[in-house]
Structure formats: structure tokens, C-alpha cells
Amino acid sequence: MVLRIEGMTCNHCVRAVTKALMGVEGVSDAQVVLAENIATITYEHDPPDQHALEAAVEEEGYKLEGGAEL
């Protein structure tokens, strides 16, 4: 699942978004790419709740752009 993240500017941002996404129930891995402003997440069984992903990212001060691409 690929997420577009708005507001990342540095490696600290990457670490914060990665940690936030890893804290969402069901997420087993999160790879964040600053240059492309994306996060690719893998999950165990069912996709994580879209609202939970958005809330986790926004709590760190960033914004999820649009929806997720499966």
C-alpha cells in the first residue's frame, strides 16, 4: 500500500512518519521515501484502517494526501 505524505522535509520527518505508521494496528513494515514524499506499508492480513493511518500521520504534524494506493 502506497501513501502520499505532505510536509516532509528532512530525515527527522522520515523517522517520525515511519514510527507513526508502525504504531498503527496491522502494519508490519513502513518504508518512507523523502524524495518522493511516499510511504510504502505492508500489513499482516487485512489493510489497516485508513482513518487510523491518517490520524497517526497527522498526529506527527504531516498530512496524508488523498487515499492509499493498493
PDB file of N, CA and C in Angstrom:
ATOM      1  N   MET A   1       0.855  -1.163   0.000  1.00  0.00           N
ATOM      2  CA  MET A   1       0.000   0.000   0.000  1.00  0.00           C
ATOM      3  C   MET A   1       0.905   1.231   0.000  1.00  0.00           C
ATOM      4  N   VAL A   2       0.636   2.160  -0.906  1.00  0.00           N
ATOM      5  CA  VAL A   2       1.448   3.368  -1.018  1.00  0.00           C
ATOM      6  C   VAL A   2       0.628   4.569  -0.558  1.00  0.00           C
ATOM      7  N   LEU A   3       1.236   5.369   0.305  1.00  0.00           N
ATOM      8  CA  LEU A   3       0.601   6.576   0.824  1.00  0.00           C
ATOM      9  C   LEU A   3       1.419   7.787   0.403  1.00  0.00           C
ATOM     10  N   ARG A   4       0.770   8.851   0.024  1.00  0.00           N
ATOM     11  CA  ARG A   4       1.464  10.108  -0.259  1.00  0.00           C
ATOM     12  C   ARG A   4       1.393  10.962   1.002  1.00  0.00           C
ATOM     13  N   ILE A   5       2.567  11.452   1.411  1.00  0.00           N
ATOM     14  CA  ILE A   5       2.678  12.219   2.647  1.00  0.00           C
ATOM     15  C   ILE A   5       3.077  13.650   2.312  1.00  0.00           C
ATOM     16  N   GLU A   6       2.359  14.615   2.845  1.00  0.00           N
ATOM     17  CA  GLU A   6       2.647  16.027   2.625  1.00  0.00           C
ATOM     18  C   GLU A   6       3.337  16.610   3.854  1.00  0.00           C
ATOM     19  N   GLY A   7       4.381  17.406   3.629  1.00  0.00           N
ATOM     20  CA  GLY A   7       5.006  18.142   4.720  1.00  0.00           C
ATOM     21  C   GLY A   7       6.357  17.622   5.175  1.00  0.00           C
ATOM     22  N   MET A   8       6.842  16.532   4.597  1.00  0.00           N
ATOM     23  CA  MET A   8       8.149  16.007   4.998  1.00  0.00           C
ATOM     24  C   MET A   8       9.253  16.817   4.327  1.00  0.00           C
ATOM     25  N   THR A   9      10.272  17.195   5.114  1.00  0.00           N
ATOM     26  CA  THR A   9      11.365  17.999   4.572  1.00  0.00           C
ATOM     27  C   THR A   9      12.753  17.465   4.916  1.00  0.00           C
ATOM     28  N   CYS A  10      12.844  16.487   5.824  1.00  0.00           N
ATOM     29  CA  CYS A  10      14.162  16.036   6.277  1.00  0.00           C
ATOM     30  C   CYS A  10      14.086  14.599   6.800  1.00  0.00           C
ATOM     31  N   ASN A  11      15.242  14.074   7.182  1.00  0.00           N
ATOM     32  CA  ASN A  11      15.292  12.702   7.694  1.00  0.00           C
ATOM     33  C   ASN A  11      14.560  12.549   9.021  1.00  0.00           C
ATOM     34  N   HIS A  12      14.500  13.607   9.808  1.00  0.00           N
ATOM     35  CA  HIS A  12      13.712  13.545  11.049  1.00  0.00           C
ATOM     36  C   HIS A  12      12.242  13.284  10.709  1.00  0.00           C
ATOM     37  N   CYS A  13      11.764  13.930   9.669  1.00  0.00           N
ATOM     38  CA  CYS A  13      10.381  13.720   9.220  1.00  0.00           C
ATOM     39  C   CYS A  13      10.161  12.259   8.834  1.00  0.00           C
ATOM     40  N   VAL A  14      11.121  11.702   8.118  1.00  0.00           N
ATOM     41  CA  VAL A  14      11.023  10.305   7.691  1.00  0.00           C
ATOM     42  C   VAL A  14      10.913   9.391   8.905  1.00  0.00           C
ATOM     43  N   ARG A  15      11.765   9.621   9.905  1.00  0.00           N
ATOM     44  CA  ARG A  15      11.728   8.788  11.119  1.00  0.00           C
ATOM     45  C   ARG A  15      10.399   8.939  11.850  1.00  0.00           C
ATOM     46  N   ALA A  16       9.894  10.169  11.943  1.00  0.00           N
ATOM     47  CA  ALA A  16       8.633  10.412  12.649  1.00  0.00           C
ATOM     48  C   ALA A  16       7.462   9.721  11.948  1.00  0.00           C
ATOM     49  N   VAL A  17       7.409   9.827  10.633  1.00  0.00           N
ATOM     50  CA  VAL A  17       6.321   9.200   9.876  1.00  0.00           C
ATOM     51  C   VAL A  17       6.431   7.679   9.952  1.00  0.00           C
ATOM     52  N   THR A  18       7.647   7.156   9.840  1.00  0.00           N
ATOM     53  CA  THR A  18       7.850   5.711   9.934  1.00  0.00           C
ATOM     54  C   THR A  18       7.365   5.191  11.277  1.00  0.00           C
ATOM     55  N   LYS A  19       7.771   5.851  12.342  1.00  0.00           N
ATOM     56  CA  LYS A  19       7.375   5.432  13.692  1.00  0.00           C
ATOM     57  C   LYS A  19       5.856   5.505  13.852  1.00  0.00           C
ATOM     58  N   ALA A  20       5.253   6.573  13.350  1.00  0.00           N
ATOM     59  CA  ALA A  20       3.799   6.738  13.459  1.00  0.00           C
ATOM     60  C   ALA A  20       3.066   5.618  12.725  1.00  0.00           C
ATOM     61  N   LEU A  21       3.502   5.318  11.512  1.00  0.00           N
ATOM     62  CA  LEU A  21       2.835   4.271  10.735  1.00  0.00           C
ATOM     63  C   LEU A  21       3.026   2.897  11.353  1.00  0.00           C
ATOM     64  N   MET A  22       4.209   2.643  11.895  1.00  0.00           N
ATOM     65  CA  MET A  22       4.470   1.350  12.527  1.00  0.00           C
ATOM     66  C   MET A  22       3.610   1.151  13.774  1.00  0.00           C
ATOM     67  N   GLY A  23       3.110   2.243  14.334  1.00  0.00           N
ATOM     68  CA  GLY A  23       2.262   2.165  15.510  1.00  0.00           C
ATOM     69  C   GLY A  23       0.807   1.850  15.206  1.00  0.00           C
ATOM     70  N   VAL A  24       0.450   1.838  13.931  1.00  0.00           N
ATOM     71  CA  VAL A  24      -0.928   1.545  13.538  1.00  0.00           C
ATOM     72  C   VAL A  24      -1.127   0.029  13.524  1.00  0.00           C
ATOM     73  N   GLU A  25      -2.206  -0.400  14.144  1.00  0.00           N
ATOM     74  CA  GLU A  25      -2.502  -1.830  14.227  1.00  0.00           C
ATOM     75  C   GLU A  25      -2.565  -2.464  12.841  1.00  0.00           C
ATOM     76  N   GLY A  26      -1.846  -3.564  12.683  1.00  0.00           N
ATOM     77  CA  GLY A  26      -1.848  -4.306  11.434  1.00  0.00           C
ATOM     78  C   GLY A  26      -0.682  -3.995  10.514  1.00  0.00           C
ATOM     79  N   VAL A  27      -0.003  -2.861  10.720  1.00  0.00           N
ATOM     80  CA  VAL A  27       1.137  -2.504   9.870  1.00  0.00           C
ATOM     81  C   VAL A  27       2.339  -3.331  10.303  1.00  0.00           C
ATOM     82  N   SER A  28       2.942  -4.052   9.354  1.00  0.00           N
ATOM     83  CA  SER A  28       4.108  -4.871   9.689  1.00  0.00           C
ATOM     84  C   SER A  28       5.413  -4.234   9.237  1.00  0.00           C
ATOM     85  N   ASP A  29       5.359  -3.288   8.282  1.00  0.00           N
ATOM     86  CA  ASP A  29       6.565  -2.586   7.843  1.00  0.00           C
ATOM     87  C   ASP A  29       6.160  -1.279   7.187  1.00  0.00           C
ATOM     88  N   ALA A  30       7.022  -0.271   7.318  1.00  0.00           N
ATOM     89  CA  ALA A  30       6.801   1.020   6.681  1.00  0.00           C
ATOM     90  C   ALA A  30       8.129   1.526   6.135  1.00  0.00           C
ATOM     91  N   GLN A  31       8.162   1.801   4.845  1.00  0.00           N
ATOM     92  CA  GLN A  31       9.341   2.353   4.179  1.00  0.00           C
ATOM     93  C   GLN A  31       8.956   3.728   3.645  1.00  0.00           C
ATOM     94  N   VAL A  32       9.609   4.766   4.162  1.00  0.00           N
ATOM     95  CA  VAL A  32       9.275   6.139   3.792  1.00  0.00           C
ATOM     96  C   VAL A  32      10.394   6.704   2.917  1.00  0.00           C
ATOM     97  N   VAL A  33      10.016   7.305   1.782  1.00  0.00           N
ATOM     98  CA  VAL A  33      10.979   7.878   0.843  1.00  0.00           C
ATOM     99  C   VAL A  33      10.748   9.383   0.768  1.00  0.00           C
ATOM    100  N   LEU A  34      11.687  10.140   1.327  1.00  0.00           N
ATOM    101  CA  LEU A  34      11.570  11.593   1.389  1.00  0.00           C
ATOM    102  C   LEU A  34      11.505  12.219  -0.003  1.00  0.00           C
ATOM    103  N   ALA A  35      12.374  11.801  -0.908  1.00  0.00           N
ATOM    104  CA  ALA A  35      12.458  12.408  -2.237  1.00  0.00           C
ATOM    105  C   ALA A  35      11.153  12.294  -3.022  1.00  0.00           C
ATOM    106  N   GLU A  36      10.371  11.266  -2.734  1.00  0.00           N
ATOM    107  CA  GLU A  36       9.111  11.056  -3.448  1.00  0.00           C
ATOM    108  C   GLU A  36       7.887  11.378  -2.598  1.00  0.00           C
ATOM    109  N   ASN A  37       8.121  11.718  -1.326  1.00  0.00           N
ATOM    110  CA  ASN A  37       7.024  12.005  -0.395  1.00  0.00           C
ATOM    111  C   ASN A  37       6.014  10.868  -0.334  1.00  0.00           C
ATOM    112  N   ILE A  38       6.533   9.647  -0.262  1.00  0.00           N
ATOM    113  CA  ILE A  38       5.649   8.487  -0.168  1.00  0.00           C
ATOM    114  C   ILE A  38       6.064   7.583   0.983  1.00  0.00           C
ATOM    115  N   ALA A  39       5.111   6.798   1.419  1.00  0.00           N
ATOM    116  CA  ALA A  39       5.364   5.739   2.394  1.00  0.00           C
ATOM    117  C   ALA A  39       4.740   4.471   1.828  1.00  0.00           C
ATOM    118  N   THR A  40       5.520   3.422   1.787  1.00  0.00           N
ATOM    119  CA  THR A  40       5.010   2.126   1.357  1.00  0.00           C
ATOM    120  C   THR A  40       4.883   1.261   2.593  1.00  0.00           C
ATOM    121  N   ILE A  41       3.673   0.816   2.867  1.00  0.00           N
ATOM    122  CA  ILE A  41       3.471  -0.015   4.049  1.00  0.00           C
ATOM    123  C   ILE A  41       3.039  -1.415   3.632  1.00  0.00           C
ATOM    124  N   THR A  42       3.459  -2.369   4.436  1.00  0.00           N
ATOM    125  CA  THR A  42       2.977  -3.735   4.280  1.00  0.00           C
ATOM    126  C   THR A  42       2.207  -4.068   5.543  1.00  0.00           C
ATOM    127  N   TYR A  43       1.268  -4.967   5.394  1.00  0.00           N
ATOM    128  CA  TYR A  43       0.410  -5.304   6.522  1.00  0.00           C
ATOM    129  C   TYR A  43       0.236  -6.807   6.581  1.00  0.00           C
ATOM    130  N   GLU A  44      -0.184  -7.258   7.757  1.00  0.00           N
ATOM    131  CA  GLU A  44      -0.250  -8.687   8.029  1.00  0.00           C
ATOM    132  C   GLU A  44      -1.373  -9.390   7.269  1.00  0.00           C
ATOM    133  N   HIS A  45      -2.602  -8.980   7.471  1.00  0.00           N
ATOM    134  CA  HIS A  45      -3.745  -9.667   6.861  1.00  0.00           C
ATOM    135  C   HIS A  45      -4.620  -8.666   6.120  1.00  0.00           C
ATOM    136  N   ASP A  46      -5.485  -8.009   6.838  1.00  0.00           N
ATOM    137  CA  ASP A  46      -6.369  -7.014   6.246  1.00  0.00           C
ATOM    138  C   ASP A  46      -5.670  -5.658   6.230  1.00  0.00           C
ATOM    139  N   PRO A  47      -5.983  -4.821   5.234  1.00  0.00           N
ATOM    140  CA  PRO A  47      -5.383  -3.484   5.206  1.00  0.00           C
ATOM    141  C   PRO A  47      -5.734  -2.703   6.473  1.00  0.00           C
ATOM    142  N   PRO A  48      -4.798  -1.890   6.962  1.00  0.00           N
ATOM    143  CA  PRO A  48      -5.080  -1.069   8.140  1.00  0.00           C
ATOM    144  C   PRO A  48      -6.186  -0.054   7.841  1.00  0.00           C
ATOM    145  N   ASP A  49      -6.829   0.384   8.881  1.00  0.00           N
ATOM    146  CA  ASP A  49      -7.890   1.378   8.769  1.00  0.00           C
ATOM    147  C   ASP A  49      -7.320   2.691   8.225  1.00  0.00           C
ATOM    148  N   GLN A  50      -7.921   3.206   7.157  1.00  0.00           N
ATOM    149  CA  GLN A  50      -7.458   4.445   6.520  1.00  0.00           C
ATOM    150  C   GLN A  50      -7.464   5.615   7.503  1.00  0.00           C
ATOM    151  N   HIS A  51      -8.478   5.686   8.349  1.00  0.00           N
ATOM    152  CA  HIS A  51      -8.564   6.782   9.316  1.00  0.00           C
ATOM    153  C   HIS A  51      -7.460   6.677  10.361  1.00  0.00           C
ATOM    154  N   ALA A  52      -7.101   5.463  10.746  1.00  0.00           N
ATOM    155  CA  ALA A  52      -6.020   5.264  11.715  1.00  0.00           C
ATOM    156  C   ALA A  52      -4.686   5.696  11.119  1.00  0.00           C
ATOM    157  N   LEU A  53      -4.459   5.381   9.849  1.00  0.00           N
ATOM    158  CA  LEU A  53      -3.228   5.807   9.176  1.00  0.00           C
ATOM    159  C   LEU A  53      -3.157   7.329   9.108  1.00  0.00           C
ATOM    160  N   GLU A  54      -4.261   7.935   8.704  1.00  0.00           N
ATOM    161  CA  GLU A  54      -4.318   9.394   8.591  1.00  0.00           C
ATOM    162  C   GLU A  54      -4.097  10.058   9.945  1.00  0.00           C
ATOM    163  N   ALA A  55      -4.741   9.549  10.979  1.00  0.00           N
ATOM    164  CA  ALA A  55      -4.598  10.124  12.319  1.00  0.00           C
ATOM    165  C   ALA A  55      -3.163  10.005  12.819  1.00  0.00           C
ATOM    166  N   ALA A  56      -2.524   8.868  12.568  1.00  0.00           N
ATOM    167  CA  ALA A  56      -1.148   8.661  13.020  1.00  0.00           C
ATOM    168  C   ALA A  56      -0.204   9.653  12.356  1.00  0.00           C
ATOM    169  N   VAL A  57      -0.371   9.859  11.058  1.00  0.00           N
ATOM    170  CA  VAL A  57       0.481  10.787  10.314  1.00  0.00           C
ATOM    171  C   VAL A  57       0.219  12.224  10.765  1.00  0.00           C
ATOM    172  N   GLU A  58      -1.046  12.591  10.909  1.00  0.00           N
ATOM    173  CA  GLU A  58      -1.394  13.955  11.303  1.00  0.00           C
ATOM    174  C   GLU A  58      -0.962  14.274  12.726  1.00  0.00           C
ATOM    175  N   GLU A  59      -0.951  13.281  13.596  1.00  0.00           N
ATOM    176  CA  GLU A  59      -0.505  13.497  14.975  1.00  0.00           C
ATOM    177  C   GLU A  59       0.961  13.932  15.014  1.00  0.00           C
ATOM    178  N   GLU A  60       1.727  13.528  14.017  1.00  0.00           N
ATOM    179  CA  GLU A  60       3.141  13.908  13.933  1.00  0.00           C
ATOM    180  C   GLU A  60       3.341  15.225  13.184  1.00  0.00           C
ATOM    181  N   GLY A  61       2.253  15.811  12.672  1.00  0.00           N
ATOM    182  CA  GLY A  61       2.346  17.106  12.008  1.00  0.00           C
ATOM    183  C   GLY A  61       2.409  17.051  10.487  1.00  0.00           C
ATOM    184  N   TYR A  62       2.078  15.917   9.899  1.00  0.00           N
ATOM    185  CA  TYR A  62       2.120  15.750   8.447  1.00  0.00           C
ATOM    186  C   TYR A  62       0.717  15.434   7.951  1.00  0.00           C
ATOM    187  N   LYS A  63       0.555  15.399   6.640  1.00  0.00           N
ATOM    188  CA  LYS A  63      -0.778  15.163   6.093  1.00  0.00           C
ATOM    189  C   LYS A  63      -0.728  14.051   5.056  1.00  0.00           C
ATOM    190  N   LEU A  64      -1.708  13.183   5.132  1.00  0.00           N
ATOM    191  CA  LEU A  64      -1.878  12.126   4.139  1.00  0.00           C
ATOM    192  C   LEU A  64      -2.617  12.734   2.953  1.00  0.00           C
ATOM    193  N   GLU A  65      -2.016  12.673   1.767  1.00  0.00           N
ATOM    194  CA  GLU A  65      -2.623  13.243   0.566  1.00  0.00           C
ATOM    195  C   GLU A  65      -3.526  12.218  -0.093  1.00  0.00           C
ATOM    196  N   GLY A  66      -4.770  12.549  -0.288  1.00  0.00           N
ATOM    197  CA  GLY A  66      -5.690  11.641  -0.967  1.00  0.00           C
ATOM    198  C   GLY A  66      -5.839  10.332  -0.227  1.00  0.00           C
ATOM    199  N   GLY A  67      -6.037   9.280  -0.962  1.00  0.00           N
ATOM    200  CA  GLY A  67      -6.194   7.959  -0.365  1.00  0.00           C
ATOM    201  C   GLY A  67      -4.962   7.105  -0.575  1.00  0.00           C
ATOM    202  N   ALA A  68      -5.083   5.877  -0.180  1.00  0.00           N
ATOM    203  CA  ALA A  68      -3.984   4.927  -0.336  1.00  0.00           C
ATOM    204  C   ALA A  68      -4.115   4.211  -1.667  1.00  0.00           C
ATOM    205  N   GLU A  69      -2.971   3.899  -2.259  1.00  0.00           N
ATOM    206  CA  GLU A  69      -2.942   3.103  -3.484  1.00  0.00           C
ATOM    207  C   GLU A  69      -2.551   1.693  -3.107  1.00  0.00           C
ATOM    208  N   LEU A  70      -3.412   0.729  -3.408  1.00  0.00           N
ATOM    209  CA  LEU A  70      -3.113  -0.664  -3.085  1.00  0.00           C
ATOM    210  C   LEU A  70      -2.196  -1.269  -4.118  1.00  0.00           C
TER     211      LEU A  70
END
